[in-house]
Protein backbone atom coordinates (compact mmCIF):
# COMPACT_ATOMS: atom_id res chain seq x y z
CA MET A 1 -0.08 -0.01 0.02
CA ALA A 2 1.44 3.38 -1.11
CA PRO A 3 1.86 6.05 1.55
CA GLU A 4 -0.79 8.84 1.69
CA PRO A 5 0.04 11.83 -0.57
CA GLY A 6 2.07 14.38 1.60
CA SER A 7 2.90 11.77 4.12
CA ASN A 8 6.56 10.95 5.08
CA ARG A 9 5.67 7.58 6.45
CA THR A 10 6.96 4.36 4.88
CA THR A 11 5.55 0.89 4.92
CA PRO A 12 7.56 -2.28 5.63
CA ASP A 13 7.88 -2.93 2.06
CA THR A 14 9.60 0.27 1.34
CA LEU A 15 11.38 0.56 4.64
CA THR A 16 15.09 1.08 3.80
CA PRO A 17 18.32 1.25 6.11
CA GLU A 18 18.52 4.92 5.17
CA ALA A 19 15.07 5.52 6.34
CA VAL A 20 15.66 3.71 9.57
CA CYS A 21 18.83 5.76 10.11
CA ALA A 22 17.02 9.16 9.48
CA TYR A 23 14.34 8.19 11.81
CA LEU A 24 16.90 7.30 14.51
CA ARG A 25 18.63 10.61 13.99
CA ALA A 26 15.32 12.44 14.36
CA ASN A 27 14.54 10.49 17.38
CA PRO A 28 17.63 10.05 19.43
CA ASP A 29 15.59 8.87 22.61
CA PHE A 30 13.95 6.07 20.72
CA LEU A 31 16.03 3.20 22.54
CA VAL A 32 15.55 4.97 25.81
CA ARG A 33 11.64 4.70 25.34
CA ASN A 34 12.00 1.08 23.95
CA ALA A 35 14.88 -0.37 26.01
CA GLU A 36 13.62 -3.85 25.65
CA LEU A 37 14.81 -3.66 21.88
CA VAL A 38 18.40 -3.48 22.91
CA HIS A 39 18.69 -7.26 23.54
CA HIS A 40 17.28 -8.02 19.99
CA LEU A 41 20.15 -5.71 18.24
CA THR A 42 23.54 -7.10 17.31
CA PRO A 43 26.43 -4.70 18.51
CA PRO A 44 29.21 -3.78 16.17
CA SER A 45 32.22 -6.00 15.97
CA ALA A 46 34.57 -5.76 19.02
CA ASP A 47 37.43 -5.97 16.83
CA ARG A 48 38.28 -2.56 15.26
CA GLY A 49 41.38 -3.79 13.56
CA ARG A 50 45.05 -3.05 14.23
CA GLY A 51 44.68 -4.37 17.78
CA VAL A 52 41.85 -2.00 18.60
CA VAL A 53 39.12 -3.43 20.61
CA ASP A 54 35.72 -1.75 21.18
CA LEU A 55 34.88 -2.23 24.83
CA GLN A 56 31.42 -0.76 24.41
CA ALA A 57 30.48 -3.97 22.53
CA PHE A 58 31.42 -6.12 25.49
CA MET A 59 29.55 -3.79 27.86
CA VAL A 60 26.41 -3.98 25.78
CA GLU A 61 26.63 -7.78 25.65
CA ARG A 62 27.15 -8.12 29.43
CA LEU A 63 24.17 -5.72 29.95
CA ARG A 64 22.19 -8.02 27.75
CA GLY A 65 23.05 -10.88 29.94
CA GLU A 66 22.22 -9.05 32.97
CA VAL A 67 18.93 -8.09 31.66
CA ARG A 68 18.13 -11.71 30.78
CA HIS A 69 19.32 -12.96 34.15
CA LEU A 70 17.01 -10.33 35.92
CA LYS A 71 14.00 -11.28 33.61
CA ASP A 72 14.64 -14.96 34.74
CA GLN A 73 14.70 -13.95 38.26
CA GLN A 74 11.64 -11.90 37.92
CA ARG A 75 9.70 -14.92 36.48
CA GLU A 76 10.91 -17.20 39.21
CA LEU A 77 9.78 -14.83 41.72
CA VAL A 78 6.39 -14.34 40.37
CA VAL A 79 6.04 -18.36 40.12
CA THR A 80 7.29 -18.74 43.68
CA THR A 81 5.16 -15.87 45.14
CA ARG A 82 1.99 -17.51 43.31
CA ALA A 83 2.79 -20.79 44.70
CA ASN A 84 3.24 -19.38 48.27
CA LEU A 85 0.16 -17.57 48.08
CA ASN A 86 -1.76 -20.54 46.90
CA SER A 87 -0.31 -22.55 49.78
CA GLN A 88 -1.27 -19.95 52.35
CA ASN A 89 -4.80 -19.97 51.04
CA ARG A 90 -5.09 -23.68 51.30
CA ILE A 91 -3.80 -23.47 54.89
CA HIS A 92 -6.43 -21.01 55.78
CA ALA A 93 -9.04 -23.14 54.33
CA ALA A 94 -7.87 -26.03 56.38
CA VAL A 95 -7.84 -24.06 59.51
CA LEU A 96 -11.47 -23.11 58.99
CA PHE A 97 -12.44 -26.62 58.43
CA LEU A 98 -10.91 -27.74 61.67
CA LEU A 99 -12.51 -25.03 63.56
CA ASP A 100 -15.93 -25.88 62.12
CA ALA A 101 -15.76 -29.50 63.31
CA ARG A 102 -18.94 -30.43 65.25
CA SER A 103 -17.43 -33.16 67.22
CA LEU A 104 -14.23 -34.92 68.03
CA GLU A 105 -15.18 -37.74 65.50
CA HIS A 106 -15.73 -34.99 62.92
CA LEU A 107 -12.48 -33.37 63.73
CA ILE A 108 -10.44 -36.61 63.41
CA GLN A 109 -12.32 -37.17 59.97
CA THR A 110 -11.21 -33.57 58.89
CA ILE A 111 -7.68 -34.07 59.79
CA THR A 112 -7.17 -37.64 58.40
CA THR A 113 -9.43 -37.13 55.22
CA ASP A 114 -10.39 -33.63 54.39
CA LEU A 115 -6.91 -32.04 54.88
CA ALA A 116 -5.40 -34.27 52.02
CA ILE A 117 -8.20 -32.80 49.72
CA LEU A 118 -7.75 -29.21 50.94
CA LEU A 119 -3.99 -29.30 50.53
CA ASP A 120 -3.91 -31.31 47.38
CA LEU A 121 -2.22 -34.22 48.74
CA ASP A 122 -2.57 -37.94 48.60
CA VAL A 123 -2.54 -38.82 52.30
CA ALA A 124 -2.96 -37.17 55.66
CA GLY A 125 -2.44 -39.00 58.94
CA LEU A 126 -2.73 -38.38 62.78
CA VAL A 127 -0.13 -40.40 64.83
CA ILE A 128 -0.26 -40.66 68.69
CA GLU A 129 2.15 -42.60 70.84
CA SER A 130 0.87 -45.09 73.23
CA ASN A 131 1.75 -44.08 76.98
CA GLY A 132 2.96 -47.73 77.55
CA HIS A 133 -0.02 -48.84 79.40
CA ASP A 134 -3.23 -47.37 77.97
CA HIS A 135 -3.90 -45.92 74.60
CA PRO A 136 -4.11 -42.18 74.46
CA HIS A 137 -7.24 -40.05 75.06
CA VAL A 138 -8.14 -40.41 71.59
CA HIS A 139 -9.94 -43.78 70.65
CA ARG A 140 -11.26 -42.94 67.07
CA SER A 141 -10.89 -44.29 63.77
CA GLY A 142 -8.16 -42.73 61.74
CA VAL A 143 -5.72 -42.25 64.56
CA ARG A 144 -2.76 -44.56 64.43
CA VAL A 145 -1.14 -45.46 67.83
CA VAL A 146 2.54 -46.18 67.78
CA GLU A 147 5.07 -47.39 70.41
CA PRO A 148 6.37 -45.00 72.98
CA GLY A 149 9.48 -43.30 71.58
CA ALA A 150 8.47 -43.71 67.80
CA VAL A 151 7.97 -39.94 67.33
CA ASN A 152 11.50 -39.16 68.35
CA GLN A 153 12.76 -42.02 66.19
CA TRP A 154 11.22 -40.54 63.04
CA LEU A 155 11.76 -36.91 64.02
CA GLY A 156 14.87 -36.81 66.27
CA THR A 157 15.18 -33.43 67.92
CA ARG A 158 13.14 -31.59 65.14
CA ASP A 159 9.66 -30.49 65.14
CA VAL A 160 9.32 -30.75 61.25
CA VAL A 161 10.89 -33.26 58.89
CA LEU A 162 10.34 -32.99 55.03
CA LEU A 163 11.51 -35.82 53.15
CA SER A 164 11.63 -36.24 49.30
CA ASP A 165 11.94 -39.46 47.13
CA VAL A 166 10.95 -41.82 49.96
CA ARG A 167 8.57 -44.75 50.63
CA GLY A 168 5.81 -43.99 53.09
CA ALA A 169 5.66 -45.99 56.40
CA GLU A 170 2.59 -48.05 57.07
CA GLU A 171 2.94 -47.25 60.67
CA ILE A 172 2.31 -43.49 59.86
CA PHE A 173 0.18 -43.69 56.64
CA GLY A 174 -1.48 -46.94 56.96
CA PRO A 175 -3.12 -48.41 53.80
CA GLY A 176 -2.07 -45.27 51.94
CA ALA A 177 1.55 -45.62 52.64
CA GLY A 178 2.16 -47.20 49.11
CA LEU A 179 1.16 -43.84 47.52
CA VAL A 180 3.61 -41.66 49.60
CA ARG A 181 6.77 -40.61 47.86
CA SER A 182 7.39 -37.51 49.69
CA GLN A 183 6.30 -36.59 53.17
CA ALA A 184 5.98 -33.98 55.88
CA LEU A 185 6.11 -35.04 59.49
CA ILE A 186 5.16 -32.51 62.05
CA ARG A 187 5.28 -33.07 65.85
CA LEU A 188 2.30 -32.58 67.85
CA LYS A 189 2.30 -31.71 71.56
CA VAL A 190 -1.46 -31.74 72.47
CA SER A 191 -1.10 -31.44 76.12
CA SER A 192 1.14 -32.19 78.91
CA GLU A 193 -1.11 -35.12 79.82
CA THR A 194 -0.74 -36.86 76.47
CA PRO A 195 2.21 -38.45 74.54
CA ASP A 196 3.65 -36.83 71.47
CA GLY A 197 2.06 -37.32 68.22
CA ILE A 198 2.77 -36.54 64.40
CA LEU A 199 0.66 -34.74 61.87
CA ALA A 200 1.73 -36.63 58.54
CA PHE A 201 1.22 -35.49 55.06
CA GLY A 202 2.09 -37.60 52.12
CA SER A 203 2.23 -37.00 48.26
CA ARG A 204 2.84 -39.26 45.30
CA ASP A 205 5.17 -36.41 43.96
CA PRO A 206 8.52 -37.25 45.07
CA ALA A 207 9.44 -33.51 45.12
CA MET A 208 6.37 -32.16 46.90
CA PHE A 209 8.10 -32.00 50.07
CA HIS A 210 11.97 -31.64 50.40
CA ASP A 211 14.60 -30.74 52.87
CA GLY A 212 15.18 -27.09 53.02
CA GLN A 213 11.50 -26.19 52.00
CA ALA A 214 9.85 -23.40 54.16
CA THR A 215 7.98 -25.03 57.22
CA GLU A 216 6.24 -22.06 58.65
CA LEU A 217 2.82 -22.90 57.16
CA VAL A 218 2.58 -26.65 58.06
CA ASN A 219 3.85 -25.75 61.56
CA PHE A 220 1.15 -23.19 61.99
CA LEU A 221 -1.52 -25.90 60.89
CA ALA A 222 0.02 -28.41 63.34
CA ARG A 223 -0.37 -25.76 66.22
CA VAL A 224 -3.90 -25.35 65.30
CA VAL A 225 -4.60 -29.05 65.30
CA GLU A 226 -3.01 -29.28 68.77
CA ARG A 227 -5.39 -26.63 70.03
CA VAL A 228 -8.57 -27.95 68.53
CA ILE A 229 -7.71 -31.60 69.80
CA ARG A 230 -7.21 -30.08 73.28
CA SER A 231 -10.32 -28.11 73.20
CA TRP A 232 -12.50 -31.20 72.41
CA LEU A 233 -10.76 -33.34 75.00
CA ASP A 234 -10.84 -30.70 77.69
CA LEU A 235 -7.01 -30.99 78.35
CA PRO A 236 -4.66 -28.44 79.89
CA ALA A 237 -2.11 -27.02 77.72
């Protein structure tokens, strides 16, 4: 399509290097207003002949690399922020479900069934140590009772253990252990009158949980579980 009469604009078909040069001379701030175009341009050769090297070309190339690196970091930050926000929303929803429990049985069902769905996991479990003589206060389906000292065997001195690429233990996850390829084990201290326990989460994704991952959210959820169980059993802190 030909340019309109009296118009100085050119179409891509008639665009020439001279026209581009003329435009850039008339608009010296073009690259300032369109900085993203810099990394699409090829800088002049760094070798000017006779041993003369143009350091500006190296500087431009280095700046391009830094821009690419910063953009990669920005994308990673956005992805991480969205994932963290999604996890936070799931934890908040889980807390509301726990608080809405209408009975102790309903609470245990929420912990051992609903939490897995709410947190997009495959298995959730509640483990309580036996006191060596009688079972703990909780005598409900879904609670797995283990031998005294078992919690410290799994957790050591830590309150949270995240493991990737593992096989779930039947003592913790029961029939769902075969699904577990990564797990989060969080220590529960319901009351001074009850043995320690574990809030356990398992996923078939080997990388869902891993060492070094942030634990604040699952730790918070475990503290809520402690309080609601203690409230239903009317136990001291």
